[in-house]
Amino acid sequence: MKTDKVVRIDNRNLPAQYKKRRYYTNTEVKVHNTANDCWISIFYEVFDLTELIQKNYGPLVDPLIKAAGTDISSWFDPITKDVILF
C-alpha cells in the first residue's frame, strides 16, 4: 500500500517533463506509481493524472493514487466504458 503524501502544487516535486509517445509498455507505466507522478492505463490508453491529483487532492483521489502505475480497465464495463459499481 502506498502512503505517499502529496505536496500542493509545488513544481519542485513534480516529475520532469517527458516526451509523449504513442505507445508505452507496462513496465514504463509501473514506474509512475506515486501521487506526485501518477500514470494509469485504461483500455490500452495511458493517462498522466499527476496534475489532476495535485489540483484536487483529497479523499476522492485516493483510489487513483492507490492504483497509480497500473491498469484500471477492470473498473469499467468493456462495452459501454461506464464505471462498474461494486
PDB file of N, CA and C in Angstrom:
ATOM      1  N   MET A   1       0.837  -1.174   0.000  1.00  0.00           N
ATOM      2  CA  MET A   1       0.000   0.000   0.000  1.00  0.00           C
ATOM      3  C   MET A   1       0.886   1.242   0.000  1.00  0.00           C
ATOM      4  N   LYS A   2       0.630   2.163  -0.899  1.00  0.00           N
ATOM      5  CA  LYS A   2       1.408   3.384  -0.987  1.00  0.00           C
ATOM      6  C   LYS A   2       0.918   4.382   0.054  1.00  0.00           C
ATOM      7  N   THR A   3       1.838   5.061   0.685  1.00  0.00           N
ATOM      8  CA  THR A   3       1.464   6.051   1.687  1.00  0.00           C
ATOM      9  C   THR A   3       2.057   7.410   1.353  1.00  0.00           C
ATOM     10  N   ASP A   4       2.176   7.725   0.067  1.00  0.00           N
ATOM     11  CA  ASP A   4       2.752   8.997  -0.344  1.00  0.00           C
ATOM     12  C   ASP A   4       1.845  10.148   0.036  1.00  0.00           C
ATOM     13  N   LYS A   5       2.451  11.202   0.479  1.00  0.00           N
ATOM     14  CA  LYS A   5       1.725  12.440   0.747  1.00  0.00           C
ATOM     15  C   LYS A   5       1.939  13.361  -0.444  1.00  0.00           C
ATOM     16  N   VAL A   6       0.915  14.079  -0.830  1.00  0.00           N
ATOM     17  CA  VAL A   6       1.011  15.000  -1.947  1.00  0.00           C
ATOM     18  C   VAL A   6       1.294  16.389  -1.406  1.00  0.00           C
ATOM     19  N   VAL A   7       2.249  17.048  -2.018  1.00  0.00           N
ATOM     20  CA  VAL A   7       2.529  18.435  -1.677  1.00  0.00           C
ATOM     21  C   VAL A   7       1.775  19.284  -2.677  1.00  0.00           C
ATOM     22  N   ARG A   8       0.983  20.190  -2.189  1.00  0.00           N
ATOM     23  CA  ARG A   8       0.138  21.006  -3.065  1.00  0.00           C
ATOM     24  C   ARG A   8       0.952  21.827  -4.051  1.00  0.00           C
ATOM     25  N   ILE A   9       0.648  21.694  -5.326  1.00  0.00           N
ATOM     26  CA  ILE A   9       1.188  22.483  -6.427  1.00  0.00           C
ATOM     27  C   ILE A   9       2.589  23.022  -6.137  1.00  0.00           C
ATOM     28  N   ASP A  10       3.506  22.145  -5.969  1.00  0.00           N
ATOM     29  CA  ASP A  10       4.891  22.512  -5.727  1.00  0.00           C
ATOM     30  C   ASP A  10       5.700  21.926  -6.869  1.00  0.00           C
ATOM     31  N   ASN A  11       6.045  22.765  -7.824  1.00  0.00           N
ATOM     32  CA  ASN A  11       6.688  22.283  -9.043  1.00  0.00           C
ATOM     33  C   ASN A  11       7.996  21.557  -8.785  1.00  0.00           C
ATOM     34  N   ARG A  12       8.619  21.770  -7.633  1.00  0.00           N
ATOM     35  CA  ARG A  12       9.869  21.069  -7.338  1.00  0.00           C
ATOM     36  C   ARG A  12       9.620  19.577  -7.166  1.00  0.00           C
ATOM     37  N   ASN A  13       8.412  19.178  -6.793  1.00  0.00           N
ATOM     38  CA  ASN A  13       8.119  17.769  -6.557  1.00  0.00           C
ATOM     39  C   ASN A  13       7.478  17.067  -7.745  1.00  0.00           C
ATOM     40  N   LEU A  14       7.185  17.801  -8.793  1.00  0.00           N
ATOM     41  CA  LEU A  14       6.593  17.187  -9.967  1.00  0.00           C
ATOM     42  C   LEU A  14       7.682  16.552 -10.826  1.00  0.00           C
ATOM     43  N   PRO A  15       7.355  15.490 -11.560  1.00  0.00           N
ATOM     44  CA  PRO A  15       8.371  14.833 -12.389  1.00  0.00           C
ATOM     45  C   PRO A  15       8.807  15.739 -13.530  1.00  0.00           C
ATOM     46  N   ALA A  16      10.003  15.480 -14.032  1.00  0.00           N
ATOM     47  CA  ALA A  16      10.496  16.230 -15.181  1.00  0.00           C
ATOM     48  C   ALA A  16       9.598  15.971 -16.380  1.00  0.00           C
ATOM     49  N   GLN A  17       9.548  16.914 -17.277  1.00  0.00           N
ATOM     50  CA  GLN A  17       8.738  16.739 -18.477  1.00  0.00           C
ATOM     51  C   GLN A  17       9.265  15.546 -19.271  1.00  0.00           C
ATOM     52  N   TYR A  18       8.393  14.874 -19.914  1.00  0.00           N
ATOM     53  CA  TYR A  18       8.752  13.702 -20.685  1.00  0.00           C
ATOM     54  C   TYR A  18       8.180  13.860 -22.085  1.00  0.00           C
ATOM     55  N   LYS A  19       8.786  13.192 -23.013  1.00  0.00           N
ATOM     56  CA  LYS A  19       8.304  13.234 -24.384  1.00  0.00           C
ATOM     57  C   LYS A  19       7.131  12.277 -24.513  1.00  0.00           C
ATOM     58  N   LYS A  20       6.000  12.798 -24.934  1.00  0.00           N
ATOM     59  CA  LYS A  20       4.827  11.936 -25.108  1.00  0.00           C
ATOM     60  C   LYS A  20       5.029  11.073 -26.344  1.00  0.00           C
ATOM     61  N   ARG A  21       4.701   9.792 -26.169  1.00  0.00           N
ATOM     62  CA  ARG A  21       4.836   8.841 -27.261  1.00  0.00           C
ATOM     63  C   ARG A  21       3.491   8.198 -27.530  1.00  0.00           C
ATOM     64  N   ARG A  22       3.437   7.482 -28.597  1.00  0.00           N
ATOM     65  CA  ARG A  22       2.192   6.818 -28.961  1.00  0.00           C
ATOM     66  C   ARG A  22       1.968   5.556 -28.149  1.00  0.00           C
ATOM     67  N   TYR A  23       3.045   4.862 -27.783  1.00  0.00           N
ATOM     68  CA  TYR A  23       2.927   3.599 -27.059  1.00  0.00           C
ATOM     69  C   TYR A  23       3.816   3.611 -25.817  1.00  0.00           C
ATOM     70  N   TYR A  24       3.321   3.002 -24.749  1.00  0.00           N
ATOM     71  CA  TYR A  24       4.090   2.806 -23.523  1.00  0.00           C
ATOM     72  C   TYR A  24       3.952   1.346 -23.117  1.00  0.00           C
ATOM     73  N   THR A  25       5.003   0.789 -22.572  1.00  0.00           N
ATOM     74  CA  THR A  25       4.935  -0.581 -22.081  1.00  0.00           C
ATOM     75  C   THR A  25       4.393  -0.578 -20.653  1.00  0.00           C
ATOM     76  N   ASN A  26       3.955  -1.750 -20.177  1.00  0.00           N
ATOM     77  CA  ASN A  26       3.501  -1.865 -18.788  1.00  0.00           C
ATOM     78  C   ASN A  26       4.610  -1.485 -17.821  1.00  0.00           C
ATOM     79  N   THR A  27       5.826  -1.835 -18.149  1.00  0.00           N
ATOM     80  CA  THR A  27       6.968  -1.506 -17.291  1.00  0.00           C
ATOM     81  C   THR A  27       7.146  -0.001 -17.182  1.00  0.00           C
ATOM     82  N   GLU A  28       6.975   0.715 -18.272  1.00  0.00           N
ATOM     83  CA  GLU A  28       7.097   2.175 -18.246  1.00  0.00           C
ATOM     84  C   GLU A  28       5.991   2.808 -17.402  1.00  0.00           C
ATOM     85  N   VAL A  29       4.792   2.278 -17.483  1.00  0.00           N
ATOM     86  CA  VAL A  29       3.674   2.814 -16.699  1.00  0.00           C
ATOM     87  C   VAL A  29       3.885   2.522 -15.214  1.00  0.00           C
ATOM     88  N   LYS A  30       4.390   1.351 -14.886  1.00  0.00           N
ATOM     89  CA  LYS A  30       4.580   0.951 -13.486  1.00  0.00           C
ATOM     90  C   LYS A  30       5.522   1.879 -12.730  1.00  0.00           C
ATOM     91  N   VAL A  31       6.433   2.527 -13.407  1.00  0.00           N
ATOM     92  CA  VAL A  31       7.394   3.425 -12.765  1.00  0.00           C
ATOM     93  C   VAL A  31       6.693   4.668 -12.198  1.00  0.00           C
ATOM     94  N   HIS A  32       5.588   5.055 -12.782  1.00  0.00           N
ATOM     95  CA  HIS A  32       4.858   6.268 -12.399  1.00  0.00           C
ATOM     96  C   HIS A  32       3.767   5.895 -11.401  1.00  0.00           C
ATOM     97  N   ASN A  33       4.178   5.581 -10.176  1.00  0.00           N
ATOM     98  CA  ASN A  33       3.258   4.964  -9.217  1.00  0.00           C
ATOM     99  C   ASN A  33       3.129   5.727  -7.898  1.00  0.00           C
ATOM    100  N   THR A  34       3.276   7.043  -7.944  1.00  0.00           N
ATOM    101  CA  THR A  34       3.114   7.850  -6.731  1.00  0.00           C
ATOM    102  C   THR A  34       2.133   8.989  -7.009  1.00  0.00           C
ATOM    103  N   ALA A  35       1.716   9.658  -5.955  1.00  0.00           N
ATOM    104  CA  ALA A  35       0.796  10.782  -6.116  1.00  0.00           C
ATOM    105  C   ALA A  35       1.447  11.948  -6.851  1.00  0.00           C
ATOM    106  N   ASN A  36       2.764  12.061  -6.753  1.00  0.00           N
ATOM    107  CA  ASN A  36       3.483  13.132  -7.434  1.00  0.00           C
ATOM    108  C   ASN A  36       3.911  12.762  -8.845  1.00  0.00           C
ATOM    109  N   ASP A  37       3.630  11.560  -9.257  1.00  0.00           N
ATOM    110  CA  ASP A  37       3.953  11.079 -10.599  1.00  0.00           C
ATOM    111  C   ASP A  37       3.032   9.894 -10.886  1.00  0.00           C
ATOM    112  N   CYS A  38       1.799  10.177 -11.284  1.00  0.00           N
ATOM    113  CA  CYS A  38       0.748   9.162 -11.364  1.00  0.00           C
ATOM    114  C   CYS A  38       0.288   8.946 -12.802  1.00  0.00           C
ATOM    115  N   TRP A  39       0.593   7.769 -13.319  1.00  0.00           N
ATOM    116  CA  TRP A  39       0.066   7.352 -14.611  1.00  0.00           C
ATOM    117  C   TRP A  39      -0.813   6.142 -14.375  1.00  0.00           C
ATOM    118  N   ILE A  40      -1.861   6.037 -15.162  1.00  0.00           N
ATOM    119  CA  ILE A  40      -2.703   4.845 -15.163  1.00  0.00           C
ATOM    120  C   ILE A  40      -3.016   4.507 -16.614  1.00  0.00           C
ATOM    121  N   SER A  41      -3.404   3.274 -16.850  1.00  0.00           N
ATOM    122  CA  SER A  41      -3.852   2.902 -18.191  1.00  0.00           C
ATOM    123  C   SER A  41      -5.279   2.381 -18.104  1.00  0.00           C
ATOM    124  N   ILE A  42      -6.032   2.718 -19.132  1.00  0.00           N
ATOM    125  CA  ILE A  42      -7.425   2.281 -19.249  1.00  0.00           C
ATOM    126  C   ILE A  42      -7.648   1.873 -20.700  1.00  0.00           C
ATOM    127  N   PHE A  43      -8.010   0.641 -20.912  1.00  0.00           N
ATOM    128  CA  PHE A  43      -8.282   0.129 -22.259  1.00  0.00           C
ATOM    129  C   PHE A  43      -7.197   0.525 -23.250  1.00  0.00           C
ATOM    130  N   TYR A  44      -5.950   0.216 -22.916  1.00  0.00           N
ATOM    131  CA  TYR A  44      -4.791   0.402 -23.789  1.00  0.00           C
ATOM    132  C   TYR A  44      -4.427   1.866 -24.031  1.00  0.00           C
ATOM    133  N   GLU A  45      -4.945   2.785 -23.225  1.00  0.00           N
ATOM    134  CA  GLU A  45      -4.542   4.185 -23.301  1.00  0.00           C
ATOM    135  C   GLU A  45      -3.910   4.574 -21.976  1.00  0.00           C
ATOM    136  N   VAL A  46      -2.876   5.406 -22.032  1.00  0.00           N
ATOM    137  CA  VAL A  46      -2.167   5.829 -20.834  1.00  0.00           C
ATOM    138  C   VAL A  46      -2.519   7.282 -20.531  1.00  0.00           C
ATOM    139  N   PHE A  47      -2.787   7.541 -19.241  1.00  0.00           N
ATOM    140  CA  PHE A  47      -3.151   8.880 -18.799  1.00  0.00           C
ATOM    141  C   PHE A  47      -2.233   9.319 -17.662  1.00  0.00           C
ATOM    142  N   ASP A  48      -1.721  10.537 -17.755  1.00  0.00           N
ATOM    143  CA  ASP A  48      -0.915  11.126 -16.692  1.00  0.00           C
ATOM    144  C   ASP A  48      -1.869  11.931 -15.813  1.00  0.00           C
ATOM    145  N   LEU A  49      -2.138  11.439 -14.611  1.00  0.00           N
ATOM    146  CA  LEU A  49      -3.095  12.080 -13.706  1.00  0.00           C
ATOM    147  C   LEU A  49      -2.424  12.943 -12.642  1.00  0.00           C
ATOM    148  N   THR A  50      -1.129  13.178 -12.767  1.00  0.00           N
ATOM    149  CA  THR A  50      -0.384  13.915 -11.754  1.00  0.00           C
ATOM    150  C   THR A  50      -0.988  15.287 -11.493  1.00  0.00           C
ATOM    151  N   GLU A  51      -1.214  16.051 -12.526  1.00  0.00           N
ATOM    152  CA  GLU A  51      -1.751  17.405 -12.354  1.00  0.00           C
ATOM    153  C   GLU A  51      -3.158  17.375 -11.759  1.00  0.00           C
ATOM    154  N   LEU A  52      -3.985  16.450 -12.204  1.00  0.00           N
ATOM    155  CA  LEU A  52      -5.340  16.311 -11.665  1.00  0.00           C
ATOM    156  C   LEU A  52      -5.293  16.036 -10.166  1.00  0.00           C
ATOM    157  N   ILE A  53      -4.422  15.143  -9.743  1.00  0.00           N
ATOM    158  CA  ILE A  53      -4.301  14.801  -8.327  1.00  0.00           C
ATOM    159  C   ILE A  53      -3.770  15.991  -7.537  1.00  0.00           C
ATOM    160  N   GLN A  54      -2.789  16.684  -8.080  1.00  0.00           N
ATOM    161  CA  GLN A  54      -2.221  17.840  -7.389  1.00  0.00           C
ATOM    162  C   GLN A  54      -3.277  18.929  -7.166  1.00  0.00           C
ATOM    163  N   LYS A  55      -4.115  19.142  -8.150  1.00  0.00           N
ATOM    164  CA  LYS A  55      -5.125  20.207  -8.061  1.00  0.00           C
ATOM    165  C   LYS A  55      -6.346  19.814  -7.234  1.00  0.00           C
ATOM    166  N   ASN A  56      -6.619  18.528  -7.110  1.00  0.00           N
ATOM    167  CA  ASN A  56      -7.846  18.066  -6.451  1.00  0.00           C
ATOM    168  C   ASN A  56      -7.566  17.098  -5.317  1.00  0.00           C
ATOM    169  N   TYR A  57      -6.457  17.256  -4.635  1.00  0.00           N
ATOM    170  CA  TYR A  57      -6.071  16.296  -3.616  1.00  0.00           C
ATOM    171  C   TYR A  57      -7.125  16.211  -2.512  1.00  0.00           C
ATOM    172  N   GLY A  58      -7.443  15.003  -2.138  1.00  0.00           N
ATOM    173  CA  GLY A  58      -8.423  14.741  -1.088  1.00  0.00           C
ATOM    174  C   GLY A  58      -8.825  13.285  -1.132  1.00  0.00           C
ATOM    175  N   PRO A  59      -9.815  12.918  -0.335  1.00  0.00           N
ATOM    176  CA  PRO A  59     -10.191  11.501  -0.265  1.00  0.00           C
ATOM    177  C   PRO A  59     -10.740  10.928  -1.571  1.00  0.00           C
ATOM    178  N   LEU A  60     -11.266  11.764  -2.438  1.00  0.00           N
ATOM    179  CA  LEU A  60     -11.821  11.244  -3.691  1.00  0.00           C
ATOM    180  C   LEU A  60     -10.748  10.779  -4.674  1.00  0.00           C
ATOM    181  N   VAL A  61      -9.516  11.268  -4.541  1.00  0.00           N
ATOM    182  CA  VAL A  61      -8.461  10.815  -5.448  1.00  0.00           C
ATOM    183  C   VAL A  61      -7.634   9.672  -4.861  1.00  0.00           C
ATOM    184  N   ASP A  62      -7.903   9.278  -3.619  1.00  0.00           N
ATOM    185  CA  ASP A  62      -7.156   8.176  -3.001  1.00  0.00           C
ATOM    186  C   ASP A  62      -7.190   6.887  -3.827  1.00  0.00           C
ATOM    187  N   PRO A  63      -8.334   6.486  -4.384  1.00  0.00           N
ATOM    188  CA  PRO A  63      -8.321   5.265  -5.216  1.00  0.00           C
ATOM    189  C   PRO A  63      -7.401   5.387  -6.432  1.00  0.00           C
ATOM    190  N   LEU A  64      -7.312   6.572  -7.010  1.00  0.00           N
ATOM    191  CA  LEU A  64      -6.416   6.763  -8.145  1.00  0.00           C
ATOM    192  C   LEU A  64      -4.957   6.682  -7.713  1.00  0.00           C
ATOM    193  N   ILE A  65      -4.639   7.247  -6.554  1.00  0.00           N
ATOM    194  CA  ILE A  65      -3.270   7.184  -6.045  1.00  0.00           C
ATOM    195  C   ILE A  65      -2.888   5.733  -5.760  1.00  0.00           C
ATOM    196  N   LYS A  66      -3.803   4.983  -5.167  1.00  0.00           N
ATOM    197  CA  LYS A  66      -3.524   3.575  -4.866  1.00  0.00           C
ATOM    198  C   LYS A  66      -3.347   2.746  -6.137  1.00  0.00           C
ATOM    199  N   ALA A  67      -3.991   3.161  -7.222  1.00  0.00           N
ATOM    200  CA  ALA A  67      -3.905   2.434  -8.490  1.00  0.00           C
ATOM    201  C   ALA A  67      -2.815   2.979  -9.408  1.00  0.00           C
ATOM    202  N   ALA A  68      -2.064   3.956  -8.952  1.00  0.00           N
ATOM    203  CA  ALA A  68      -1.018   4.571  -9.782  1.00  0.00           C
ATOM    204  C   ALA A  68      -0.067   3.513 -10.324  1.00  0.00           C
ATOM    205  N   GLY A  69       0.243   3.651 -11.609  1.00  0.00           N
ATOM    206  CA  GLY A  69       1.172   2.717 -12.236  1.00  0.00           C
ATOM    207  C   GLY A  69       0.556   1.411 -12.678  1.00  0.00           C
ATOM    208  N   THR A  70      -0.771   1.321 -12.662  1.00  0.00           N
ATOM    209  CA  THR A  70      -1.437   0.069 -13.028  1.00  0.00           C
ATOM    210  C   THR A  70      -2.498   0.313 -14.104  1.00  0.00           C
ATOM    211  N   ASP A  71      -3.078  -0.775 -14.546  1.00  0.00           N
ATOM    212  CA  ASP A  71      -4.195  -0.722 -15.486  1.00  0.00           C
ATOM    213  C   ASP A  71      -5.497  -0.801 -14.691  1.00  0.00           C
ATOM    214  N   ILE A  72      -6.401   0.139 -14.906  1.00  0.00           N
ATOM    215  CA  ILE A  72      -7.672   0.135 -14.177  1.00  0.00           C
ATOM    216  C   ILE A  72      -8.853  -0.154 -15.101  1.00  0.00           C
ATOM    217  N   SER A  73      -8.618  -0.848 -16.188  1.00  0.00           N
ATOM    218  CA  SER A  73      -9.697  -1.193 -17.114  1.00  0.00           C
ATOM    219  C   SER A  73     -10.785  -2.009 -16.436  1.00  0.00           C
ATOM    220  N   SER A  74     -10.406  -2.768 -15.413  1.00  0.00           N
ATOM    221  CA  SER A  74     -11.397  -3.600 -14.717  1.00  0.00           C
ATOM    222  C   SER A  74     -12.420  -2.758 -13.961  1.00  0.00           C
ATOM    223  N   TRP A  75     -12.170  -1.476 -13.794  1.00  0.00           N
ATOM    224  CA  TRP A  75     -13.119  -0.576 -13.126  1.00  0.00           C
ATOM    225  C   TRP A  75     -14.272  -0.196 -14.054  1.00  0.00           C
ATOM    226  N   PHE A  76     -14.146  -0.514 -15.349  1.00  0.00           N
ATOM    227  CA  PHE A  76     -15.099  -0.055 -16.357  1.00  0.00           C
ATOM    228  C   PHE A  76     -15.680  -1.222 -17.146  1.00  0.00           C
ATOM    229  N   ASP A  77     -16.916  -1.048 -17.605  1.00  0.00           N
ATOM    230  CA  ASP A  77     -17.548  -2.024 -18.473  1.00  0.00           C
ATOM    231  C   ASP A  77     -16.844  -1.979 -19.829  1.00  0.00           C
ATOM    232  N   PRO A  78     -16.373  -3.104 -20.353  1.00  0.00           N
ATOM    233  CA  PRO A  78     -15.626  -3.082 -21.613  1.00  0.00           C
ATOM    234  C   PRO A  78     -16.455  -2.666 -22.831  1.00  0.00           C
ATOM    235  N   ILE A  79     -17.754  -2.819 -22.761  1.00  0.00           N
ATOM    236  CA  ILE A  79     -18.601  -2.470 -23.906  1.00  0.00           C
ATOM    237  C   ILE A  79     -19.037  -1.007 -23.837  1.00  0.00           C
ATOM    238  N   THR A  80     -19.601  -0.601 -22.694  1.00  0.00           N
ATOM    239  CA  THR A  80     -20.132   0.752 -22.584  1.00  0.00           C
ATOM    240  C   THR A  80     -19.105   1.759 -22.074  1.00  0.00           C
ATOM    241  N   LYS A  81     -18.011   1.287 -21.471  1.00  0.00           N
ATOM    242  CA  LYS A  81     -16.980   2.114 -20.859  1.00  0.00           C
ATOM    243  C   LYS A  81     -17.483   2.866 -19.636  1.00  0.00           C
ATOM    244  N   ASP A  82     -18.643   2.485 -19.118  1.00  0.00           N
ATOM    245  CA  ASP A  82     -19.174   3.072 -17.883  1.00  0.00           C
ATOM    246  C   ASP A  82     -18.485   2.467 -16.674  1.00  0.00           C
ATOM    247  N   VAL A  83     -18.455   3.215 -15.587  1.00  0.00           N
ATOM    248  CA  VAL A  83     -17.866   2.721 -14.343  1.00  0.00           C
ATOM    249  C   VAL A  83     -18.727   1.581 -13.806  1.00  0.00           C
ATOM    250  N   ILE A  84     -18.068   0.516 -13.369  1.00  0.00           N
ATOM    251  CA  ILE A  84     -18.772  -0.605 -12.758  1.00  0.00           C
ATOM    252  C   ILE A  84     -18.921  -0.309 -11.276  1.00  0.00           C
ATOM    253  N   LEU A  85     -20.132  -0.370 -10.789  1.00  0.00           N
ATOM    254  CA  LEU A  85     -20.364  -0.126  -9.367  1.00  0.00           C
ATOM    255  C   LEU A  85     -20.186  -1.425  -8.616  1.00  0.00           C
ATOM    256  N   PHE A  86     -19.309  -1.429  -7.644  1.00  0.00           N
ATOM    257  CA  PHE A  86     -19.003  -2.643  -6.880  1.00  0.00           C
ATOM    258  C   PHE A  86     -19.937  -2.780  -5.711  1.00  0.00           C
TER     259      PHE A  86
END
